[in-house]
Amino acid sequence: FQQSIDDLAAAFANENIDIVVGPEARGFAVGAPVAYKLRAGF
């Protein structure tokens, strides 16, 4: 789980993401930790 979040976040780390959007419901489980890693809102 940690590696998957790290890999998704790393793929977009240089994109200056302001917000990560996650569709209900499994998008919450993946999107929120990616947002945290990118220091973006969710």
All heavy atoms as atom14 arrays in JSON, in Angstrom:
{
  "sequence": "FQQSIDDLAAAFANENIDIVVGPEARGFAVGAPVAYKLRAGF",
  "atom14_mask": [
    [1, 1, 1, 1, 1, 1, 1, 1, 1, 1, 1, 0, 0, 0],
    [1, 1, 1, 1, 1, 1, 1, 1, 1, 0, 0, 0, 0, 0],
    [1, 1, 1, 1, 1, 1, 1, 1, 1, 0, 0, 0, 0, 0],
    [1, 1, 1, 1, 1, 1, 0, 0, 0, 0, 0, 0, 0, 0],
    [1, 1, 1, 1, 1, 1, 1, 1, 0, 0, 0, 0, 0, 0],
    [1, 1, 1, 1, 1, 1, 1, 1, 0, 0, 0, 0, 0, 0],
    [1, 1, 1, 1, 1, 1, 1, 1, 0, 0, 0, 0, 0, 0],
    [1, 1, 1, 1, 1, 1, 1, 1, 0, 0, 0, 0, 0, 0],
    [1, 1, 1, 1, 1, 0, 0, 0, 0, 0, 0, 0, 0, 0],
    [1, 1, 1, 1, 1, 0, 0, 0, 0, 0, 0, 0, 0, 0],
    [1, 1, 1, 1, 1, 0, 0, 0, 0, 0, 0, 0, 0, 0],
    [1, 1, 1, 1, 1, 1, 1, 1, 1, 1, 1, 0, 0, 0],
    [1, 1, 1, 1, 1, 0, 0, 0, 0, 0, 0, 0, 0, 0],
    [1, 1, 1, 1, 1, 1, 1, 1, 0, 0, 0, 0, 0, 0],
    [1, 1, 1, 1, 1, 1, 1, 1, 1, 0, 0, 0, 0, 0],
    [1, 1, 1, 1, 1, 1, 1, 1, 0, 0, 0, 0, 0, 0],
    [1, 1, 1, 1, 1, 1, 1, 1, 0, 0, 0, 0, 0, 0],
    [1, 1, 1, 1, 1, 1, 1, 1, 0, 0, 0, 0, 0, 0],
    [1, 1, 1, 1, 1, 1, 1, 1, 0, 0, 0, 0, 0, 0],
    [1, 1, 1, 1, 1, 1, 1, 0, 0, 0, 0, 0, 0, 0],
    [1, 1, 1, 1, 1, 1, 1, 0, 0, 0, 0, 0, 0, 0],
    [1, 1, 1, 1, 0, 0, 0, 0, 0, 0, 0, 0, 0, 0],
    [1, 1, 1, 1, 1, 1, 1, 0, 0, 0, 0, 0, 0, 0],
    [1, 1, 1, 1, 1, 1, 1, 1, 1, 0, 0, 0, 0, 0],
    [1, 1, 1, 1, 1, 0, 0, 0, 0, 0, 0, 0, 0, 0],
    [1, 1, 1, 1, 1, 1, 1, 1, 1, 1, 1, 0, 0, 0],
    [1, 1, 1, 1, 0, 0, 0, 0, 0, 0, 0, 0, 0, 0],
    [1, 1, 1, 1, 1, 1, 1, 1, 1, 1, 1, 0, 0, 0],
    [1, 1, 1, 1, 1, 0, 0, 0, 0, 0, 0, 0, 0, 0],
    [1, 1, 1, 1, 1, 1, 1, 0, 0, 0, 0, 0, 0, 0],
    [1, 1, 1, 1, 0, 0, 0, 0, 0, 0, 0, 0, 0, 0],
    [1, 1, 1, 1, 1, 0, 0, 0, 0, 0, 0, 0, 0, 0],
    [1, 1, 1, 1, 1, 1, 1, 0, 0, 0, 0, 0, 0, 0],
    [1, 1, 1, 1, 1, 1, 1, 0, 0, 0, 0, 0, 0, 0],
    [1, 1, 1, 1, 1, 0, 0, 0, 0, 0, 0, 0, 0, 0],
    [1, 1, 1, 1, 1, 1, 1, 1, 1, 1, 1, 1, 0, 0],
    [1, 1, 1, 1, 1, 1, 1, 1, 1, 0, 0, 0, 0, 0],
    [1, 1, 1, 1, 1, 1, 1, 1, 0, 0, 0, 0, 0, 0],
    [1, 1, 1, 1, 1, 1, 1, 1, 1, 1, 1, 0, 0, 0],
    [1, 1, 1, 1, 1, 0, 0, 0, 0, 0, 0, 0, 0, 0],
    [1, 1, 1, 1, 0, 0, 0, 0, 0, 0, 0, 0, 0, 0],
    [1, 1, 1, 1, 1, 1, 1, 1, 1, 1, 1, 0, 0, 0]
  ],
  "atom14_positions": [
    [[0.84, -1.2, 0.0], [0.0, 0.0, 0.0], [0.87, 1.25, 0.0], [0.68, 2.16, -0.8], [-0.94, -0.03, 1.2], [-1.87, 1.15, 1.3], [-2.51, 1.67, 0.19], [-2.13, 1.73, 2.53], [-3.38, 2.74, 0.28], [-2.99, 2.8, 2.64], [-3.62, 3.32, 1.51], [0.0, 0.0, 0.0], [0.0, 0.0, 0.0], [0.0, 0.0, 0.0]],
    [[1.87, 1.27, 0.89], [2.76, 2.42, 0.96], [3.49, 2.62, -0.37], [3.59, 3.75, -0.87], [3.76, 2.26, 2.1], [4.68, 3.45, 2.23], [5.64, 3.35, 3.4], [5.76, 2.3, 4.04], [6.33, 4.43, 3.69], [0.0, 0.0, 0.0], [0.0, 0.0, 0.0], [0.0, 0.0, 0.0], [0.0, 0.0, 0.0], [0.0, 0.0, 0.0]],
    [[3.97, 1.54, -0.96], [4.7, 1.65, -2.22], [3.79, 2.16, -3.34], [4.21, 2.96, -4.17], [5.32, 0.3, -2.61], [6.24, 0.38, -3.81], [7.47, 1.23, -3.52], [8.17, 1.01, -2.56], [7.71, 2.23, -4.37], [0.0, 0.0, 0.0], [0.0, 0.0, 0.0], [0.0, 0.0, 0.0], [0.0, 0.0, 0.0], [0.0, 0.0, 0.0]],
    [[2.54, 1.7, -3.36], [1.62, 2.15, -4.41], [1.35, 3.65, -4.29], [1.32, 4.37, -5.3], [0.31, 1.36, -4.38], [-0.46, 1.64, -3.23], [0.0, 0.0, 0.0], [0.0, 0.0, 0.0], [0.0, 0.0, 0.0], [0.0, 0.0, 0.0], [0.0, 0.0, 0.0], [0.0, 0.0, 0.0], [0.0, 0.0, 0.0], [0.0, 0.0, 0.0]],
    [[1.18, 4.13, -3.08], [0.96, 5.57, -2.86], [2.22, 6.34, -3.24], [2.15, 7.37, -3.93], [0.55, 5.85, -1.4], [-0.77, 5.14, -1.07], [0.47, 7.35, -1.12], [-1.93, 5.43, -1.99], [0.0, 0.0, 0.0], [0.0, 0.0, 0.0], [0.0, 0.0, 0.0], [0.0, 0.0, 0.0], [0.0, 0.0, 0.0], [0.0, 0.0, 0.0]],
    [[3.36, 5.86, -2.81], [4.63, 6.51, -3.16], [4.83, 6.57, -4.67], [5.25, 7.6, -5.21], [5.82, 5.78, -2.51], [5.9, 5.98, -1.01], [5.18, 6.85, -0.46], [6.69, 5.25, -0.37], [0.0, 0.0, 0.0], [0.0, 0.0, 0.0], [0.0, 0.0, 0.0], [0.0, 0.0, 0.0], [0.0, 0.0, 0.0], [0.0, 0.0, 0.0]],
    [[4.5, 5.47, -5.38], [4.7, 5.43, -6.82], [3.76, 6.38, -7.55], [4.18, 7.06, -8.5], [4.53, 4.0, -7.35], [5.7, 3.1, -6.98], [6.74, 3.59, -6.5], [5.55, 1.87, -7.18], [0.0, 0.0, 0.0], [0.0, 0.0, 0.0], [0.0, 0.0, 0.0], [0.0, 0.0, 0.0], [0.0, 0.0, 0.0], [0.0, 0.0, 0.0]],
    [[2.5, 6.42, -7.14], [1.57, 7.35, -7.78], [1.97, 8.8, -7.52], [1.97, 9.63, -8.43], [0.13, 7.1, -7.31], [-0.54, 5.85, -7.89], [-1.9, 5.63, -7.22], [-0.71, 5.97, -9.4], [0.0, 0.0, 0.0], [0.0, 0.0, 0.0], [0.0, 0.0, 0.0], [0.0, 0.0, 0.0], [0.0, 0.0, 0.0], [0.0, 0.0, 0.0]],
    [[2.33, 9.1, -6.28], [2.74, 10.47, -5.94], [4.01, 10.85, -6.69], [4.11, 11.96, -7.23], [2.94, 10.61, -4.44], [0.0, 0.0, 0.0], [0.0, 0.0, 0.0], [0.0, 0.0, 0.0], [0.0, 0.0, 0.0], [0.0, 0.0, 0.0], [0.0, 0.0, 0.0], [0.0, 0.0, 0.0], [0.0, 0.0, 0.0], [0.0, 0.0, 0.0]],
    [[4.98, 9.95, -6.77], [6.24, 10.24, -7.46], [6.01, 10.54, -8.94], [6.69, 11.38, -9.52], [7.22, 9.08, -7.31], [0.0, 0.0, 0.0], [0.0, 0.0, 0.0], [0.0, 0.0, 0.0], [0.0, 0.0, 0.0], [0.0, 0.0, 0.0], [0.0, 0.0, 0.0], [0.0, 0.0, 0.0], [0.0, 0.0, 0.0], [0.0, 0.0, 0.0]],
    [[5.04, 9.87, -9.54], [4.77, 10.07, -10.97], [4.29, 11.49, -11.27], [4.47, 11.97, -12.39], [3.72, 9.06, -11.45], [0.0, 0.0, 0.0], [0.0, 0.0, 0.0], [0.0, 0.0, 0.0], [0.0, 0.0, 0.0], [0.0, 0.0, 0.0], [0.0, 0.0, 0.0], [0.0, 0.0, 0.0], [0.0, 0.0, 0.0], [0.0, 0.0, 0.0]],
    [[3.73, 12.17, -10.26], [3.21, 13.52, -10.47], [3.89, 14.56, -9.57], [3.41, 15.68, -9.45], [1.69, 13.52, -10.24], [0.95, 12.7, -11.25], [0.61, 11.38, -11.0], [0.6, 13.24, -12.48], [-0.07, 10.62, -11.94], [-0.08, 12.49, -13.43], [-0.41, 11.18, -13.16], [0.0, 0.0, 0.0], [0.0, 0.0, 0.0], [0.0, 0.0, 0.0]],
    [[5.01, 14.18, -8.98], [5.68, 15.04, -8.0], [6.13, 16.38, -8.58], [6.19, 17.37, -7.85], [6.88, 14.32, -7.4], [0.0, 0.0, 0.0], [0.0, 0.0, 0.0], [0.0, 0.0, 0.0], [0.0, 0.0, 0.0], [0.0, 0.0, 0.0], [0.0, 0.0, 0.0], [0.0, 0.0, 0.0], [0.0, 0.0, 0.0], [0.0, 0.0, 0.0]],
    [[6.42, 16.45, -9.84], [6.91, 17.69, -10.46], [5.83, 18.46, -11.2], [6.13, 19.35, -12.0], [8.07, 17.37, -11.42], [9.26, 16.81, -10.67], [9.58, 17.26, -9.58], [9.89, 15.8, -11.25], [0.0, 0.0, 0.0], [0.0, 0.0, 0.0], [0.0, 0.0, 0.0], [0.0, 0.0, 0.0], [0.0, 0.0, 0.0], [0.0, 0.0, 0.0]],
    [[4.57, 18.16, -10.94], [3.45, 18.77, -11.66], [2.77, 19.91, -10.9], [1.78, 20.44, -11.37], [2.41, 17.7, -12.0], [2.91, 16.63, -12.94], [3.15, 17.13, -14.35], [2.59, 18.18, -14.72], [3.89, 16.47, -15.08], [0.0, 0.0, 0.0], [0.0, 0.0, 0.0], [0.0, 0.0, 0.0], [0.0, 0.0, 0.0], [0.0, 0.0, 0.0]],
    [[3.29, 20.28, -9.74], [2.71, 21.38, -8.95], [1.21, 21.2, -8.73], [0.41, 22.08, -9.03], [2.99, 22.74, -9.6], [4.47, 23.0, -9.71], [5.21, 22.8, -8.75], [4.92, 23.41, -10.88], [0.0, 0.0, 0.0], [0.0, 0.0, 0.0], [0.0, 0.0, 0.0], [0.0, 0.0, 0.0], [0.0, 0.0, 0.0], [0.0, 0.0, 0.0]],
    [[0.84, 20.05, -8.21], [-0.56, 19.71, -7.96], [-1.08, 20.53, -6.78], [-0.47, 20.54, -5.71], [-0.72, 18.2, -7.66], [-0.13, 17.34, -8.78], [-2.17, 17.85, -7.36], [-0.76, 17.49, -10.12], [0.0, 0.0, 0.0], [0.0, 0.0, 0.0], [0.0, 0.0, 0.0], [0.0, 0.0, 0.0], [0.0, 0.0, 0.0], [0.0, 0.0, 0.0]],
    [[-2.22, 21.18, -6.97], [-2.88, 21.91, -5.88], [-3.89, 21.04, -5.15], [-4.02, 21.1, -3.93], [-3.63, 23.14, -6.42], [-2.7, 24.15, -7.06], [-1.73, 24.56, -6.4], [-2.94, 24.53, -8.23], [0.0, 0.0, 0.0], [0.0, 0.0, 0.0], [0.0, 0.0, 0.0], [0.0, 0.0, 0.0], [0.0, 0.0, 0.0], [0.0, 0.0, 0.0]],
    [[-4.62, 20.23, -5.91], [-5.72, 19.43, -5.37], [-5.68, 18.04, -5.99], [-5.48, 17.9, -7.2], [-7.1, 20.07, -5.72], [-7.24, 21.46, -5.1], [-8.26, 19.16, -5.31], [-7.46, 21.5, -3.62], [0.0, 0.0, 0.0], [0.0, 0.0, 0.0], [0.0, 0.0, 0.0], [0.0, 0.0, 0.0], [0.0, 0.0, 0.0], [0.0, 0.0, 0.0]],
    [[-5.91, 17.04, -5.15], [-6.15, 15.68, -5.64], [-7.63, 15.41, -5.43], [-8.18, 15.68, -4.37], [-5.29, 14.63, -4.88], [-5.69, 13.22, -5.28], [-3.81, 14.87, -5.14], [0.0, 0.0, 0.0], [0.0, 0.0, 0.0], [0.0, 0.0, 0.0], [0.0, 0.0, 0.0], [0.0, 0.0, 0.0], [0.0, 0.0, 0.0], [0.0, 0.0, 0.0]],
    [[-8.27, 14.88, -6.47], [-9.69, 14.55, -6.42], [-9.82, 13.04, -6.47], [-9.2, 12.39, -7.31], [-10.44, 15.21, -7.6], [-11.84, 14.68, -7.71], [-10.45, 16.71, -7.44], [0.0, 0.0, 0.0], [0.0, 0.0, 0.0], [0.0, 0.0, 0.0], [0.0, 0.0, 0.0], [0.0, 0.0, 0.0], [0.0, 0.0, 0.0], [0.0, 0.0, 0.0]],
    [[-10.64, 12.49, -5.56], [-10.88, 11.05, -5.53], [-12.36, 10.74, -5.57], [-13.1, 11.18, -4.71], [0.0, 0.0, 0.0], [0.0, 0.0, 0.0], [0.0, 0.0, 0.0], [0.0, 0.0, 0.0], [0.0, 0.0, 0.0], [0.0, 0.0, 0.0], [0.0, 0.0, 0.0], [0.0, 0.0, 0.0], [0.0, 0.0, 0.0], [0.0, 0.0, 0.0]],
    [[-12.81, 10.0, -6.6], [-14.22, 9.6, -6.67], [-14.57, 8.54, -5.63], [-13.75, 7.69, -5.29], [-14.37, 9.03, -8.08], [-13.18, 9.49, -8.83], [-12.08, 9.66, -7.82], [0.0, 0.0, 0.0], [0.0, 0.0, 0.0], [0.0, 0.0, 0.0], [0.0, 0.0, 0.0], [0.0, 0.0, 0.0], [0.0, 0.0, 0.0], [0.0, 0.0, 0.0]],
    [[-15.8, 8.6, -5.16], [-16.31, 7.66, -4.16], [-16.24, 6.25, -4.7], [-16.52, 6.01, -5.87], [-17.77, 8.03, -3.86], [-18.32, 7.3, -2.69], [-19.66, 7.89, -2.21], [-19.86, 9.11, -2.24], [-20.5, 7.09, -1.83], [0.0, 0.0, 0.0], [0.0, 0.0, 0.0], [0.0, 0.0, 0.0], [0.0, 0.0, 0.0], [0.0, 0.0, 0.0]],
    [[-15.91, 5.29, -3.94], [-15.42, 5.36, -2.58], [-13.95, 4.96, -2.54], [-13.2, 5.45, -1.72], [-16.22, 4.43, -1.68], [0.0, 0.0, 0.0], [0.0, 0.0, 0.0], [0.0, 0.0, 0.0], [0.0, 0.0, 0.0], [0.0, 0.0, 0.0], [0.0, 0.0, 0.0], [0.0, 0.0, 0.0], [0.0, 0.0, 0.0], [0.0, 0.0, 0.0]],
    [[-13.55, 4.08, -3.44], [-12.16, 3.62, -3.38], [-11.18, 4.72, -3.77], [-10.01, 4.67, -3.38], [-11.98, 2.36, -4.23], [-12.69, 1.15, -3.59], [-12.55, -0.11, -4.42], [-13.14, 0.01, -5.73], [-14.39, -0.35, -6.05], [-15.17, -0.84, -5.13], [-14.84, -0.21, -7.27], [0.0, 0.0, 0.0], [0.0, 0.0, 0.0], [0.0, 0.0, 0.0]],
    [[-11.65, 5.72, -4.49], [-10.8, 6.87, -4.79], [-10.39, 7.63, -3.54], [-9.37, 8.31, -3.52], [0.0, 0.0, 0.0], [0.0, 0.0, 0.0], [0.0, 0.0, 0.0], [0.0, 0.0, 0.0], [0.0, 0.0, 0.0], [0.0, 0.0, 0.0], [0.0, 0.0, 0.0], [0.0, 0.0, 0.0], [0.0, 0.0, 0.0], [0.0, 0.0, 0.0]],
    [[-11.19, 7.52, -2.47], [-10.83, 8.15, -1.2], [-9.62, 7.44, -0.6], [-8.69, 8.08, -0.1], [-11.96, 8.05, -0.17], [-13.26, 8.71, -0.54], [-14.33, 8.61, 0.3], [-13.43, 9.43, -1.72], [-15.55, 9.21, 0.0], [-14.63, 10.02, -2.04], [-15.7, 9.91, -1.17], [0.0, 0.0, 0.0], [0.0, 0.0, 0.0], [0.0, 0.0, 0.0]],
    [[-9.63, 6.09, -0.64], [-8.57, 5.3, -0.02], [-7.23, 5.51, -0.7], [-6.18, 5.42, -0.05], [-8.93, 3.81, -0.05], [0.0, 0.0, 0.0], [0.0, 0.0, 0.0], [0.0, 0.0, 0.0], [0.0, 0.0, 0.0], [0.0, 0.0, 0.0], [0.0, 0.0, 0.0], [0.0, 0.0, 0.0], [0.0, 0.0, 0.0], [0.0, 0.0, 0.0]],
    [[-7.24, 5.81, -1.99], [-6.01, 6.01, -2.74], [-5.68, 7.49, -2.87], [-4.54, 7.91, -2.7], [-6.12, 5.35, -4.13], [-4.8, 5.48, -4.89], [-6.51, 3.89, -4.01], [0.0, 0.0, 0.0], [0.0, 0.0, 0.0], [0.0, 0.0, 0.0], [0.0, 0.0, 0.0], [0.0, 0.0, 0.0], [0.0, 0.0, 0.0], [0.0, 0.0, 0.0]],
    [[-6.68, 8.3, -3.15], [-6.46, 9.71, -3.42], [-5.99, 10.52, -2.23], [-5.1, 11.37, -2.35], [0.0, 0.0, 0.0], [0.0, 0.0, 0.0], [0.0, 0.0, 0.0], [0.0, 0.0, 0.0], [0.0, 0.0, 0.0], [0.0, 0.0, 0.0], [0.0, 0.0, 0.0], [0.0, 0.0, 0.0], [0.0, 0.0, 0.0], [0.0, 0.0, 0.0]],
    [[-6.59, 10.28, -1.06], [-6.22, 11.07, 0.12], [-4.74, 10.89, 0.49], [-4.05, 11.89, 0.72], [-7.14, 10.75, 1.3], [0.0, 0.0, 0.0], [0.0, 0.0, 0.0], [0.0, 0.0, 0.0], [0.0, 0.0, 0.0], [0.0, 0.0, 0.0], [0.0, 0.0, 0.0], [0.0, 0.0, 0.0], [0.0, 0.0, 0.0], [0.0, 0.0, 0.0]],
    [[-4.22, 9.66, 0.54], [-2.79, 9.56, 0.86], [-1.87, 10.09, -0.23], [-0.78, 10.6, 0.07], [-2.56, 8.06, 1.11], [-3.77, 7.37, 0.64], [-4.88, 8.35, 0.55], [0.0, 0.0, 0.0], [0.0, 0.0, 0.0], [0.0, 0.0, 0.0], [0.0, 0.0, 0.0], [0.0, 0.0, 0.0], [0.0, 0.0, 0.0], [0.0, 0.0, 0.0]],
    [[-2.29, 10.04, -1.49], [-1.49, 10.65, -2.56], [-1.45, 12.16, -2.36], [-0.4, 12.79, -2.48], [-2.03, 10.27, -3.96], [-1.37, 11.12, -5.04], [-1.79, 8.79, -4.23], [0.0, 0.0, 0.0], [0.0, 0.0, 0.0], [0.0, 0.0, 0.0], [0.0, 0.0, 0.0], [0.0, 0.0, 0.0], [0.0, 0.0, 0.0], [0.0, 0.0, 0.0]],
    [[-2.61, 12.75, -2.02], [-2.65, 14.19, -1.75], [-1.71, 14.55, -0.61], [-0.97, 15.53, -0.69], [-4.08, 14.62, -1.41], [0.0, 0.0, 0.0], [0.0, 0.0, 0.0], [0.0, 0.0, 0.0], [0.0, 0.0, 0.0], [0.0, 0.0, 0.0], [0.0, 0.0, 0.0], [0.0, 0.0, 0.0], [0.0, 0.0, 0.0], [0.0, 0.0, 0.0]],
    [[-1.73, 13.76, 0.44], [-0.84, 14.0, 1.59], [0.62, 13.99, 1.15], [1.39, 14.88, 1.49], [-1.11, 12.93, 2.65], [-0.18, 13.0, 3.83], [-0.42, 13.9, 4.87], [0.93, 12.18, 3.9], [0.44, 13.97, 5.96], [1.79, 12.24, 4.98], [1.55, 13.14, 6.01], [2.4, 13.21, 7.08], [0.0, 0.0, 0.0], [0.0, 0.0, 0.0]],
    [[0.98, 12.98, 0.34], [2.36, 12.88, -0.14], [2.76, 14.08, -1.0], [3.9, 14.53, -0.95], [2.53, 11.65, -1.01], [2.94, 10.35, -0.41], [4.13, 10.39, 0.44], [5.32, 9.79, -0.22], [6.42, 9.56, 0.69], [0.0, 0.0, 0.0], [0.0, 0.0, 0.0], [0.0, 0.0, 0.0], [0.0, 0.0, 0.0], [0.0, 0.0, 0.0]],
    [[1.8, 14.59, -1.78], [2.09, 15.71, -2.68], [1.92, 17.06, -1.99], [2.11, 18.1, -2.63], [1.16, 15.64, -3.9], [1.41, 14.48, -4.86], [0.33, 14.43, -5.94], [2.79, 14.56, -5.49], [0.0, 0.0, 0.0], [0.0, 0.0, 0.0], [0.0, 0.0, 0.0], [0.0, 0.0, 0.0], [0.0, 0.0, 0.0], [0.0, 0.0, 0.0]],
    [[1.54, 17.04, -0.7], [1.27, 18.27, 0.04], [0.18, 19.1, -0.65], [0.25, 20.32, -0.72], [2.53, 19.09, 0.25], [3.57, 18.38, 1.09], [4.79, 19.25, 1.31], [5.75, 18.59, 2.17], [5.79, 18.71, 3.5], [4.93, 19.46, 4.12], [6.71, 18.08, 4.2], [0.0, 0.0, 0.0], [0.0, 0.0, 0.0], [0.0, 0.0, 0.0]],
    [[-0.8, 18.38, -1.17], [-1.92, 19.0, -1.87], [-3.18, 18.8, -1.04], [-3.23, 17.96, -0.14], [-2.09, 18.35, -3.24], [0.0, 0.0, 0.0], [0.0, 0.0, 0.0], [0.0, 0.0, 0.0], [0.0, 0.0, 0.0], [0.0, 0.0, 0.0], [0.0, 0.0, 0.0], [0.0, 0.0, 0.0], [0.0, 0.0, 0.0], [0.0, 0.0, 0.0]],
    [[-4.21, 19.55, -1.37], [-5.51, 19.33, -0.76], [-6.17, 18.1, -1.38], [-5.76, 17.61, -2.43], [0.0, 0.0, 0.0], [0.0, 0.0, 0.0], [0.0, 0.0, 0.0], [0.0, 0.0, 0.0], [0.0, 0.0, 0.0], [0.0, 0.0, 0.0], [0.0, 0.0, 0.0], [0.0, 0.0, 0.0], [0.0, 0.0, 0.0], [0.0, 0.0, 0.0]],
    [[-7.2, 17.62, -0.7], [-7.97, 16.48, -1.21], [-9.44, 16.85, -1.28], [-9.99, 17.44, -0.34], [-7.81, 15.24, -0.32], [-8.64, 14.09, -0.79], [-8.25, 13.34, -1.89], [-9.83, 13.76, -0.15], [-9.04, 12.29, -2.36], [-10.61, 12.71, -0.6], [-10.22, 11.97, -1.7], [0.0, 0.0, 0.0], [0.0, 0.0, 0.0], [0.0, 0.0, 0.0]]
  ]
}
